[in-house]
């Protein structure tokens, strides 16, 4: 039995209306006769291809060759990774440590000073994947520039600032304006 006959029989089974609801008219063999004799052009083209040709096409599509890259950019070399790490170490940055209020997960994150003071900074909690707004100078989330200090001040809290010493100790700054 060739594939065209099998597909034709499957189509006939689909068009049988023994289980059709009352509102849908039943298709009699006379009404479906034109479908059997001349299938629509799209179906006709599919039926005329031999099964071996279809199998060859599928075989060609599933090759084990690596996909071509979308850009001409070269893969980063270990030297480039070292350069990026050295550049990041030289950039002035803040080390933020906070506790997520949703899942109570405490985590530390590094944020560059440029991102904090000029851009919009979001930090993703590693516990619940919730995003926390740290600063918004590009006015994406509010109508005015806002930082973490402003957000905490609105809630009656304050931000403790400190400095990481060369020996690894944290020195906290004196609070100039504590909330009373």
N, C-alpha and C. Protein backbone atom coordinates (compact mmCIF):
# COMPACT_ATOMS: atom_id res chain seq x y z
N UNK A 1 0.86 -1.17 0.00
CA UNK A 1 0.00 0.00 0.00
C UNK A 1 0.91 1.23 0.00
N UNK A 2 0.66 2.14 -0.93
CA UNK A 2 1.52 3.32 -0.98
C UNK A 2 0.98 4.39 -0.04
N UNK A 3 1.78 5.41 0.15
CA UNK A 3 1.43 6.43 1.14
C UNK A 3 0.23 7.27 0.69
N UNK A 4 0.05 7.46 -0.61
CA UNK A 4 -1.08 8.25 -1.09
C UNK A 4 -2.40 7.56 -0.75
N UNK A 5 -2.45 6.24 -0.87
CA UNK A 5 -3.67 5.50 -0.54
C UNK A 5 -3.93 5.58 0.96
N UNK A 6 -2.89 5.48 1.76
CA UNK A 6 -3.06 5.55 3.21
C UNK A 6 -3.56 6.92 3.64
N UNK A 7 -3.05 7.94 3.02
CA UNK A 7 -3.48 9.30 3.37
C UNK A 7 -4.91 9.53 2.92
N UNK A 8 -5.28 8.99 1.75
CA UNK A 8 -6.64 9.14 1.26
C UNK A 8 -7.62 8.45 2.20
N UNK A 9 -7.26 7.24 2.69
CA UNK A 9 -8.14 6.53 3.62
C UNK A 9 -8.27 7.29 4.94
N UNK A 10 -7.17 7.88 5.40
CA UNK A 10 -7.23 8.66 6.64
C UNK A 10 -8.12 9.88 6.46
N UNK A 11 -8.06 10.51 5.29
CA UNK A 11 -8.91 11.67 5.02
C UNK A 11 -10.37 11.26 4.97
N UNK A 12 -10.66 10.07 4.42
CA UNK A 12 -12.04 9.60 4.36
C UNK A 12 -12.58 9.37 5.77
N UNK A 13 -11.74 8.85 6.65
CA UNK A 13 -12.18 8.62 8.02
C UNK A 13 -12.45 9.94 8.74
N UNK A 14 -11.68 10.95 8.42
CA UNK A 14 -11.90 12.25 9.04
C UNK A 14 -13.22 12.84 8.59
N UNK A 15 -13.57 12.65 7.30
CA UNK A 15 -14.78 13.25 6.78
C UNK A 15 -16.03 12.43 7.07
N UNK A 16 -15.89 11.27 7.67
CA UNK A 16 -17.08 10.51 8.06
C UNK A 16 -17.78 11.28 9.17
N UNK A 17 -19.07 11.34 9.10
CA UNK A 17 -19.81 12.16 10.06
C UNK A 17 -20.80 11.34 10.86
N UNK A 18 -20.42 10.17 11.27
CA UNK A 18 -21.32 9.36 12.07
C UNK A 18 -21.56 10.01 13.43
N UNK A 19 -20.54 10.73 13.95
CA UNK A 19 -20.65 11.33 15.27
C UNK A 19 -20.86 12.83 15.19
N UNK A 20 -21.36 13.34 14.08
CA UNK A 20 -21.53 14.78 13.91
C UNK A 20 -22.70 15.26 14.76
N UNK A 21 -22.59 16.45 15.36
CA UNK A 21 -23.71 17.02 16.12
C UNK A 21 -24.90 17.29 15.19
N UNK A 22 -26.06 17.48 15.79
CA UNK A 22 -27.29 17.63 15.01
C UNK A 22 -27.27 18.88 14.13
N UNK A 23 -26.61 19.95 14.56
CA UNK A 23 -26.62 21.20 13.80
C UNK A 23 -25.71 21.18 12.58
N UNK A 24 -24.78 20.24 12.50
CA UNK A 24 -23.85 20.19 11.38
C UNK A 24 -24.39 19.24 10.34
N UNK A 25 -24.53 19.67 9.08
CA UNK A 25 -25.06 18.77 8.05
C UNK A 25 -24.10 17.62 7.80
N UNK A 26 -24.68 16.45 7.57
CA UNK A 26 -23.85 15.28 7.31
C UNK A 26 -23.36 15.30 5.88
N UNK A 27 -22.13 14.87 5.70
CA UNK A 27 -21.55 14.78 4.37
C UNK A 27 -21.86 13.40 3.81
N UNK A 28 -22.50 13.37 2.71
CA UNK A 28 -22.76 12.11 2.04
C UNK A 28 -21.63 11.84 1.08
N UNK A 29 -21.46 10.61 0.64
CA UNK A 29 -20.39 10.33 -0.31
C UNK A 29 -20.50 11.16 -1.58
N UNK A 30 -21.73 11.54 -1.98
CA UNK A 30 -21.86 12.35 -3.19
C UNK A 30 -21.26 13.74 -2.97
N UNK A 31 -21.44 14.31 -1.78
CA UNK A 31 -20.89 15.63 -1.51
C UNK A 31 -19.37 15.59 -1.40
N UNK A 32 -18.82 14.52 -0.87
CA UNK A 32 -17.37 14.41 -0.70
C UNK A 32 -16.68 13.87 -1.94
N UNK A 33 -17.46 13.51 -2.95
CA UNK A 33 -16.90 12.89 -4.14
C UNK A 33 -15.88 13.79 -4.81
N UNK A 34 -16.15 15.11 -4.86
CA UNK A 34 -15.21 16.00 -5.52
C UNK A 34 -13.88 16.08 -4.77
N UNK A 35 -13.87 15.83 -3.46
CA UNK A 35 -12.62 15.85 -2.71
C UNK A 35 -11.75 14.64 -3.07
N UNK A 36 -12.39 13.51 -3.32
CA UNK A 36 -11.62 12.32 -3.64
C UNK A 36 -11.00 12.40 -5.03
N UNK A 37 -11.74 12.98 -5.96
CA UNK A 37 -11.25 12.99 -7.34
C UNK A 37 -10.14 14.02 -7.54
N UNK A 38 -10.34 15.24 -7.09
CA UNK A 38 -9.34 16.28 -7.30
C UNK A 38 -9.08 17.00 -5.98
N UNK A 39 -8.06 16.60 -5.28
CA UNK A 39 -7.75 17.30 -4.03
C UNK A 39 -7.27 18.72 -4.34
N UNK A 40 -7.35 19.63 -3.38
CA UNK A 40 -6.87 20.99 -3.61
C UNK A 40 -5.40 20.97 -4.03
N UNK A 41 -4.95 22.01 -4.72
CA UNK A 41 -3.59 22.02 -5.25
C UNK A 41 -2.52 21.81 -4.18
N UNK A 42 -2.70 22.37 -2.99
CA UNK A 42 -1.68 22.20 -1.95
C UNK A 42 -1.55 20.74 -1.54
N UNK A 43 -2.70 20.07 -1.39
CA UNK A 43 -2.65 18.66 -1.01
C UNK A 43 -2.10 17.81 -2.15
N UNK A 44 -2.44 18.14 -3.37
CA UNK A 44 -2.00 17.36 -4.51
C UNK A 44 -0.47 17.34 -4.59
N UNK A 45 0.19 18.45 -4.34
CA UNK A 45 1.64 18.50 -4.41
C UNK A 45 2.27 17.63 -3.33
N UNK A 46 1.65 17.61 -2.16
CA UNK A 46 2.22 16.80 -1.09
C UNK A 46 2.09 15.32 -1.39
N UNK A 47 0.99 14.91 -2.02
CA UNK A 47 0.79 13.49 -2.29
C UNK A 47 1.69 12.98 -3.41
N UNK A 48 2.13 13.86 -4.29
CA UNK A 48 2.90 13.39 -5.44
C UNK A 48 4.36 13.11 -5.11
N UNK A 49 4.86 13.57 -3.97
CA UNK A 49 6.25 13.30 -3.63
C UNK A 49 6.38 11.87 -3.11
N UNK A 50 7.34 11.12 -3.60
CA UNK A 50 7.54 9.77 -3.08
C UNK A 50 8.01 9.82 -1.62
N UNK A 51 7.70 8.76 -0.91
CA UNK A 51 8.05 8.70 0.51
C UNK A 51 9.56 8.75 0.71
N UNK A 52 10.34 8.16 -0.20
CA UNK A 52 11.80 8.18 -0.03
C UNK A 52 12.34 9.59 -0.15
N UNK A 53 11.73 10.40 -1.00
CA UNK A 53 12.20 11.78 -1.15
C UNK A 53 11.94 12.57 0.13
N UNK A 54 10.79 12.35 0.75
CA UNK A 54 10.49 13.03 2.01
C UNK A 54 11.47 12.58 3.08
N UNK A 55 11.78 11.29 3.14
CA UNK A 55 12.73 10.79 4.13
C UNK A 55 14.11 11.39 3.91
N UNK A 56 14.52 11.56 2.65
CA UNK A 56 15.82 12.17 2.38
C UNK A 56 15.85 13.61 2.84
N UNK A 57 14.75 14.33 2.66
CA UNK A 57 14.71 15.72 3.10
C UNK A 57 14.83 15.81 4.61
N UNK A 58 14.15 14.93 5.31
CA UNK A 58 14.23 14.94 6.77
C UNK A 58 15.64 14.59 7.23
N UNK A 59 16.27 13.66 6.56
CA UNK A 59 17.61 13.25 6.93
C UNK A 59 18.59 14.40 6.77
N UNK A 60 18.43 15.19 5.73
CA UNK A 60 19.34 16.31 5.49
C UNK A 60 19.17 17.40 6.54
N UNK A 61 17.95 17.58 7.03
CA UNK A 61 17.70 18.64 8.00
C UNK A 61 18.26 18.31 9.37
N UNK A 62 18.45 17.05 9.69
CA UNK A 62 18.91 16.67 11.02
C UNK A 62 20.38 16.29 11.00
N UNK A 63 21.20 17.12 10.43
CA UNK A 63 22.63 16.84 10.42
C UNK A 63 23.23 17.21 11.76
N UNK A 64 24.40 16.67 12.01
CA UNK A 64 25.08 16.93 13.27
C UNK A 64 26.05 18.10 13.18
N UNK A 65 26.07 18.80 12.08
CA UNK A 65 26.98 19.94 11.93
C UNK A 65 26.55 21.07 12.85
N UNK A 66 27.51 21.81 13.34
CA UNK A 66 27.22 22.94 14.22
C UNK A 66 26.52 24.04 13.43
N UNK A 67 25.57 24.70 14.05
CA UNK A 67 24.87 25.77 13.33
C UNK A 67 25.80 26.94 13.06
N UNK A 68 25.51 27.63 11.98
CA UNK A 68 26.32 28.80 11.64
C UNK A 68 26.01 29.92 12.61
N UNK A 69 27.01 30.69 13.01
CA UNK A 69 26.75 31.80 13.94
C UNK A 69 25.95 32.90 13.25
N UNK A 70 25.20 33.63 14.04
CA UNK A 70 24.38 34.71 13.50
C UNK A 70 25.20 35.95 13.19
N UNK A 71 26.35 36.09 13.81
CA UNK A 71 27.21 37.25 13.57
C UNK A 71 28.61 36.78 13.21
N UNK A 72 29.41 37.70 12.76
CA UNK A 72 30.80 37.39 12.44
C UNK A 72 31.72 37.58 13.63
N UNK A 73 31.15 37.84 14.79
CA UNK A 73 31.94 38.09 15.99
C UNK A 73 32.65 36.81 16.41
N UNK A 74 33.89 36.94 16.77
CA UNK A 74 34.67 35.79 17.19
C UNK A 74 34.31 35.41 18.62
N UNK A 75 34.57 34.16 18.96
CA UNK A 75 34.33 33.70 20.32
C UNK A 75 35.31 34.40 21.26
N UNK A 76 34.86 34.75 22.47
CA UNK A 76 35.78 35.40 23.39
C UNK A 76 36.88 34.44 23.83
N UNK A 77 38.08 34.90 23.75
CA UNK A 77 39.22 34.07 24.13
C UNK A 77 39.48 34.24 25.63
N UNK A 78 40.27 33.35 26.22
CA UNK A 78 40.60 33.51 27.64
C UNK A 78 41.29 34.85 27.93
N UNK A 79 42.04 35.35 26.95
CA UNK A 79 42.71 36.64 27.13
C UNK A 79 41.67 37.74 27.26
N UNK A 80 40.62 37.69 26.42
CA UNK A 80 39.55 38.68 26.50
C UNK A 80 38.83 38.60 27.84
N UNK A 81 38.59 37.40 28.33
CA UNK A 81 37.92 37.23 29.62
C UNK A 81 38.77 37.82 30.74
N UNK A 82 40.08 37.65 30.66
CA UNK A 82 40.97 38.23 31.66
C UNK A 82 40.94 39.76 31.59
N UNK A 83 40.89 40.30 30.37
CA UNK A 83 40.82 41.75 30.20
C UNK A 83 39.52 42.31 30.78
N UNK A 84 38.43 41.60 30.56
CA UNK A 84 37.14 42.05 31.09
C UNK A 84 37.15 42.01 32.61
N UNK A 85 37.71 40.94 33.18
CA UNK A 85 37.78 40.82 34.64
C UNK A 85 38.66 41.93 35.23
N UNK A 86 39.77 42.24 34.57
CA UNK A 86 40.66 43.30 35.06
C UNK A 86 39.97 44.66 34.97
N UNK A 87 39.23 44.89 33.88
CA UNK A 87 38.52 46.16 33.74
C UNK A 87 37.43 46.30 34.80
N UNK A 88 36.72 45.21 35.08
CA UNK A 88 35.67 45.26 36.11
C UNK A 88 36.26 45.51 37.49
N UNK A 89 37.45 44.96 37.75
CA UNK A 89 38.09 45.16 39.05
C UNK A 89 38.49 46.62 39.24
N UNK A 90 38.82 47.31 38.16
CA UNK A 90 39.24 48.72 38.25
C UNK A 90 38.06 49.68 38.35
N UNK A 91 36.88 49.27 37.89
CA UNK A 91 35.72 50.16 37.92
C UNK A 91 35.29 50.41 39.36
N UNK A 92 34.98 51.67 39.69
CA UNK A 92 34.44 51.92 41.03
C UNK A 92 33.05 51.32 41.15
N UNK A 93 32.81 50.61 42.23
CA UNK A 93 31.54 49.90 42.37
C UNK A 93 31.12 49.84 43.83
N UNK A 94 29.84 49.58 44.04
CA UNK A 94 29.28 49.37 45.37
C UNK A 94 29.03 47.88 45.54
N UNK A 95 29.19 47.42 46.77
CA UNK A 95 28.82 46.06 47.13
C UNK A 95 27.56 46.17 47.98
N UNK A 96 26.44 45.72 47.45
CA UNK A 96 25.16 45.81 48.16
C UNK A 96 24.82 44.46 48.77
N UNK A 97 24.46 44.47 50.04
CA UNK A 97 24.01 43.26 50.71
C UNK A 97 22.64 43.57 51.28
N UNK A 98 21.66 42.76 50.92
CA UNK A 98 20.31 43.01 51.41
C UNK A 98 19.56 41.70 51.55
N UNK A 99 18.45 41.77 52.28
CA UNK A 99 17.57 40.62 52.48
C UNK A 99 16.29 40.85 51.70
N UNK A 100 15.95 39.89 50.87
CA UNK A 100 14.71 39.97 50.09
C UNK A 100 13.53 39.85 51.06
N UNK A 101 12.57 40.74 50.93
CA UNK A 101 11.42 40.71 51.84
C UNK A 101 10.42 39.61 51.47
N UNK A 102 10.49 39.14 50.25
CA UNK A 102 9.55 38.11 49.81
C UNK A 102 9.96 36.73 50.32
N UNK A 103 11.24 36.37 50.12
CA UNK A 103 11.68 35.01 50.48
C UNK A 103 12.69 35.00 51.63
N UNK A 104 13.07 36.18 52.15
CA UNK A 104 14.02 36.33 53.25
C UNK A 104 15.40 35.76 52.93
N UNK A 105 15.76 35.78 51.67
CA UNK A 105 17.09 35.32 51.24
C UNK A 105 18.05 36.50 51.28
N UNK A 106 19.19 36.33 51.94
CA UNK A 106 20.18 37.40 52.04
C UNK A 106 21.24 37.18 50.97
N UNK A 107 21.54 38.23 50.20
CA UNK A 107 22.52 38.09 49.12
C UNK A 107 23.30 39.38 48.95
N UNK A 108 24.47 39.26 48.32
CA UNK A 108 25.33 40.40 48.03
C UNK A 108 25.46 40.55 46.52
N UNK A 109 25.51 41.79 46.07
CA UNK A 109 25.59 42.08 44.64
C UNK A 109 26.54 43.24 44.42
N UNK A 110 27.21 43.24 43.28
CA UNK A 110 28.13 44.32 42.91
C UNK A 110 27.44 45.20 41.88
N UNK A 111 27.39 46.50 42.15
CA UNK A 111 26.76 47.46 41.25
C UNK A 111 27.76 48.58 41.01
N UNK A 112 28.01 48.92 39.76
CA UNK A 112 28.95 50.00 39.48
C UNK A 112 28.35 51.33 39.92
N UNK A 113 29.23 52.24 40.29
CA UNK A 113 28.76 53.56 40.72
C UNK A 113 28.07 54.29 39.58
N UNK A 114 28.54 54.09 38.37
CA UNK A 114 27.91 54.74 37.22
C UNK A 114 26.47 54.26 37.06
N UNK A 115 26.25 52.95 37.18
CA UNK A 115 24.89 52.41 37.05
C UNK A 115 23.99 52.93 38.16
N UNK A 116 24.53 53.02 39.38
CA UNK A 116 23.72 53.46 40.52
C UNK A 116 23.37 54.94 40.44
N UNK A 117 24.33 55.78 40.06
CA UNK A 117 24.12 57.23 40.10
C UNK A 117 23.57 57.80 38.80
N UNK A 118 23.69 57.09 37.66
CA UNK A 118 23.28 57.63 36.38
C UNK A 118 22.18 56.80 35.73
N UNK A 119 22.20 55.50 35.89
CA UNK A 119 21.28 54.63 35.17
C UNK A 119 20.16 54.09 36.03
N UNK A 120 19.53 53.04 35.53
CA UNK A 120 18.49 52.31 36.25
C UNK A 120 19.04 50.95 36.62
N UNK A 121 18.94 50.59 37.90
CA UNK A 121 19.54 49.36 38.39
C UNK A 121 18.48 48.46 39.00
N UNK A 122 18.40 47.24 38.52
CA UNK A 122 17.53 46.21 39.09
C UNK A 122 18.42 45.05 39.51
N UNK A 123 18.11 44.47 40.66
CA UNK A 123 18.87 43.31 41.13
C UNK A 123 17.89 42.16 41.29
N UNK A 124 18.26 40.99 40.76
CA UNK A 124 17.41 39.81 40.85
C UNK A 124 17.79 39.00 42.09
N UNK A 125 16.81 38.68 42.90
CA UNK A 125 17.03 37.86 44.09
C UNK A 125 17.33 36.43 43.65
N UNK A 126 18.44 35.84 44.12
CA UNK A 126 18.74 34.46 43.72
C UNK A 126 17.77 33.44 44.29
N UNK A 127 17.06 33.79 45.36
CA UNK A 127 16.14 32.85 45.97
C UNK A 127 14.83 32.72 45.23
N UNK A 128 14.16 33.85 45.00
CA UNK A 128 12.82 33.81 44.40
C UNK A 128 12.77 34.41 43.01
N UNK A 129 13.89 34.87 42.49
CA UNK A 129 14.00 35.48 41.16
C UNK A 129 13.17 36.76 41.04
N UNK A 130 12.82 37.37 42.16
CA UNK A 130 12.11 38.63 42.17
C UNK A 130 13.11 39.75 41.88
N UNK A 131 12.69 40.77 41.13
CA UNK A 131 13.60 41.88 40.81
C UNK A 131 13.34 43.04 41.76
N UNK A 132 14.44 43.59 42.30
CA UNK A 132 14.35 44.70 43.24
C UNK A 132 14.93 45.94 42.58
N UNK A 133 14.20 47.05 42.68
CA UNK A 133 14.65 48.32 42.13
C UNK A 133 15.65 48.94 43.09
N UNK A 134 16.84 49.26 42.60
CA UNK A 134 17.88 49.87 43.41
C UNK A 134 17.98 51.36 43.10
N UNK A 135 17.99 51.72 41.83
CA UNK A 135 18.00 53.13 41.44
C UNK A 135 17.30 53.27 40.09
N UNK A 136 16.71 54.45 39.87
CA UNK A 136 16.00 54.70 38.61
C UNK A 136 16.21 56.16 38.20
N UNK A 137 17.36 56.45 37.62
CA UNK A 137 17.65 57.80 37.15
C UNK A 137 17.17 58.01 35.72
N UNK A 138 16.83 56.94 35.02
CA UNK A 138 16.31 57.06 33.65
C UNK A 138 14.79 57.22 33.64
N UNK A 139 14.19 57.23 34.84
CA UNK A 139 12.75 57.45 35.03
C UNK A 139 11.90 56.42 34.28
N UNK A 140 12.30 55.18 34.39
CA UNK A 140 11.54 54.09 33.76
C UNK A 140 10.37 53.67 34.64
N UNK A 141 10.60 53.59 35.96
CA UNK A 141 9.57 53.09 36.87
C UNK A 141 8.85 54.20 37.64
N UNK A 142 9.36 55.43 37.60
CA UNK A 142 8.70 56.54 38.29
C UNK A 142 8.90 57.81 37.48
N UNK A 143 8.21 58.87 37.90
CA UNK A 143 8.29 60.13 37.18
C UNK A 143 9.48 60.98 37.60
N UNK A 144 10.17 60.58 38.65
CA UNK A 144 11.33 61.33 39.11
C UNK A 144 12.48 60.36 39.34
N UNK A 145 13.69 60.92 39.39
CA UNK A 145 14.86 60.08 39.68
C UNK A 145 14.76 59.60 41.11
N UNK A 146 15.04 58.33 41.31
CA UNK A 146 14.89 57.74 42.64
C UNK A 146 16.04 56.77 42.88
N UNK A 147 16.48 56.72 44.14
CA UNK A 147 17.54 55.78 44.53
C UNK A 147 17.04 54.94 45.69
N UNK A 148 17.86 54.02 46.12
CA UNK A 148 17.50 53.15 47.24
C UNK A 148 17.32 53.97 48.52
N UNK A 149 18.14 55.02 48.69
CA UNK A 149 17.98 55.87 49.87
C UNK A 149 16.60 56.52 49.90
N UNK A 150 16.13 57.01 48.73
CA UNK A 150 14.82 57.65 48.65
C UNK A 150 13.70 56.65 48.94
N UNK A 151 13.84 55.44 48.42
CA UNK A 151 12.81 54.41 48.62
C UNK A 151 12.71 54.06 50.10
N UNK A 152 13.86 53.88 50.76
CA UNK A 152 13.84 53.52 52.18
C UNK A 152 13.38 54.69 53.04
N UNK A 153 13.73 55.92 52.64
CA UNK A 153 13.32 57.11 53.40
C UNK A 153 11.80 57.24 53.40
N UNK A 154 11.15 56.91 52.28
CA UNK A 154 9.69 56.96 52.21
C UNK A 154 9.05 55.97 53.18
N UNK A 155 9.74 54.87 53.45
CA UNK A 155 9.21 53.84 54.35
C UNK A 155 9.66 54.04 55.79
N UNK A 156 10.40 55.13 56.05
CA UNK A 156 10.85 55.40 57.41
C UNK A 156 12.09 54.60 57.80
N UNK A 157 12.81 54.08 56.85
CA UNK A 157 14.03 53.33 57.13
C UNK A 157 15.22 54.10 56.59
N UNK A 158 16.40 53.61 56.88
CA UNK A 158 17.59 54.27 56.36
C UNK A 158 18.57 53.23 55.85
N UNK A 159 19.48 53.69 55.05
CA UNK A 159 20.48 52.84 54.42
C UNK A 159 21.79 52.99 55.19
N UNK A 160 22.36 51.90 55.63
CA UNK A 160 23.65 51.95 56.33
C UNK A 160 24.76 51.89 55.31
N UNK A 161 25.60 52.89 55.33
CA UNK A 161 26.72 52.94 54.40
C UNK A 161 27.99 52.60 55.15
N UNK A 162 28.88 51.93 54.45
CA UNK A 162 30.16 51.56 55.04
C UNK A 162 31.22 51.46 53.98
N UNK A 163 32.41 51.14 54.44
CA UNK A 163 33.55 51.03 53.54
C UNK A 163 34.25 49.72 53.83
N UNK A 164 34.62 49.02 52.77
CA UNK A 164 35.34 47.77 52.91
C UNK A 164 36.82 48.10 53.00
N UNK A 165 37.41 47.77 54.12
CA UNK A 165 38.83 48.05 54.32
C UNK A 165 39.71 47.10 53.54
N UNK A 166 40.99 47.44 53.48
CA UNK A 166 41.94 46.61 52.73
C UNK A 166 42.11 45.23 53.36
N UNK A 167 41.93 45.16 54.68
CA UNK A 167 42.09 43.87 55.36
C UNK A 167 40.79 43.06 55.39
N UNK A 168 39.73 43.56 54.74
CA UNK A 168 38.48 42.82 54.64
C UNK A 168 37.44 43.23 55.66
N UNK A 169 37.79 44.15 56.58
CA UNK A 169 36.84 44.62 57.58
C UNK A 169 35.92 45.67 56.97
N UNK A 170 34.69 45.71 57.47
CA UNK A 170 33.74 46.72 57.02
C UNK A 170 33.67 47.81 58.08
N UNK A 171 33.90 49.03 57.66
CA UNK A 171 33.81 50.18 58.55
C UNK A 171 32.55 50.95 58.18
N UNK A 172 31.58 51.01 59.11
CA UNK A 172 30.34 51.72 58.84
C UNK A 172 30.53 53.19 59.15
N UNK A 173 29.93 54.04 58.32
CA UNK A 173 30.01 55.49 58.51
C UNK A 173 29.05 55.90 59.61
N UNK A 174 29.37 57.04 60.24
CA UNK A 174 28.48 57.60 61.24
C UNK A 174 27.22 58.09 60.53
N UNK A 175 26.09 57.84 61.13
CA UNK A 175 24.83 58.27 60.54
C UNK A 175 24.63 59.74 60.86
N UNK A 176 24.62 60.59 59.83
CA UNK A 176 24.48 62.03 60.02
C UNK A 176 23.03 62.42 60.28
N UNK A 177 22.13 61.79 59.57
CA UNK A 177 20.71 62.16 59.70
C UNK A 177 19.90 60.92 60.01
N UNK A 178 19.93 60.51 61.27
CA UNK A 178 19.12 59.36 61.67
C UNK A 178 17.68 59.79 61.85
N UNK A 179 16.78 58.91 61.50
CA UNK A 179 15.36 59.19 61.67
C UNK A 179 15.02 59.15 63.15
N UNK A 180 14.26 60.11 63.62
CA UNK A 180 13.91 60.16 65.04
C UNK A 180 12.65 59.41 65.32
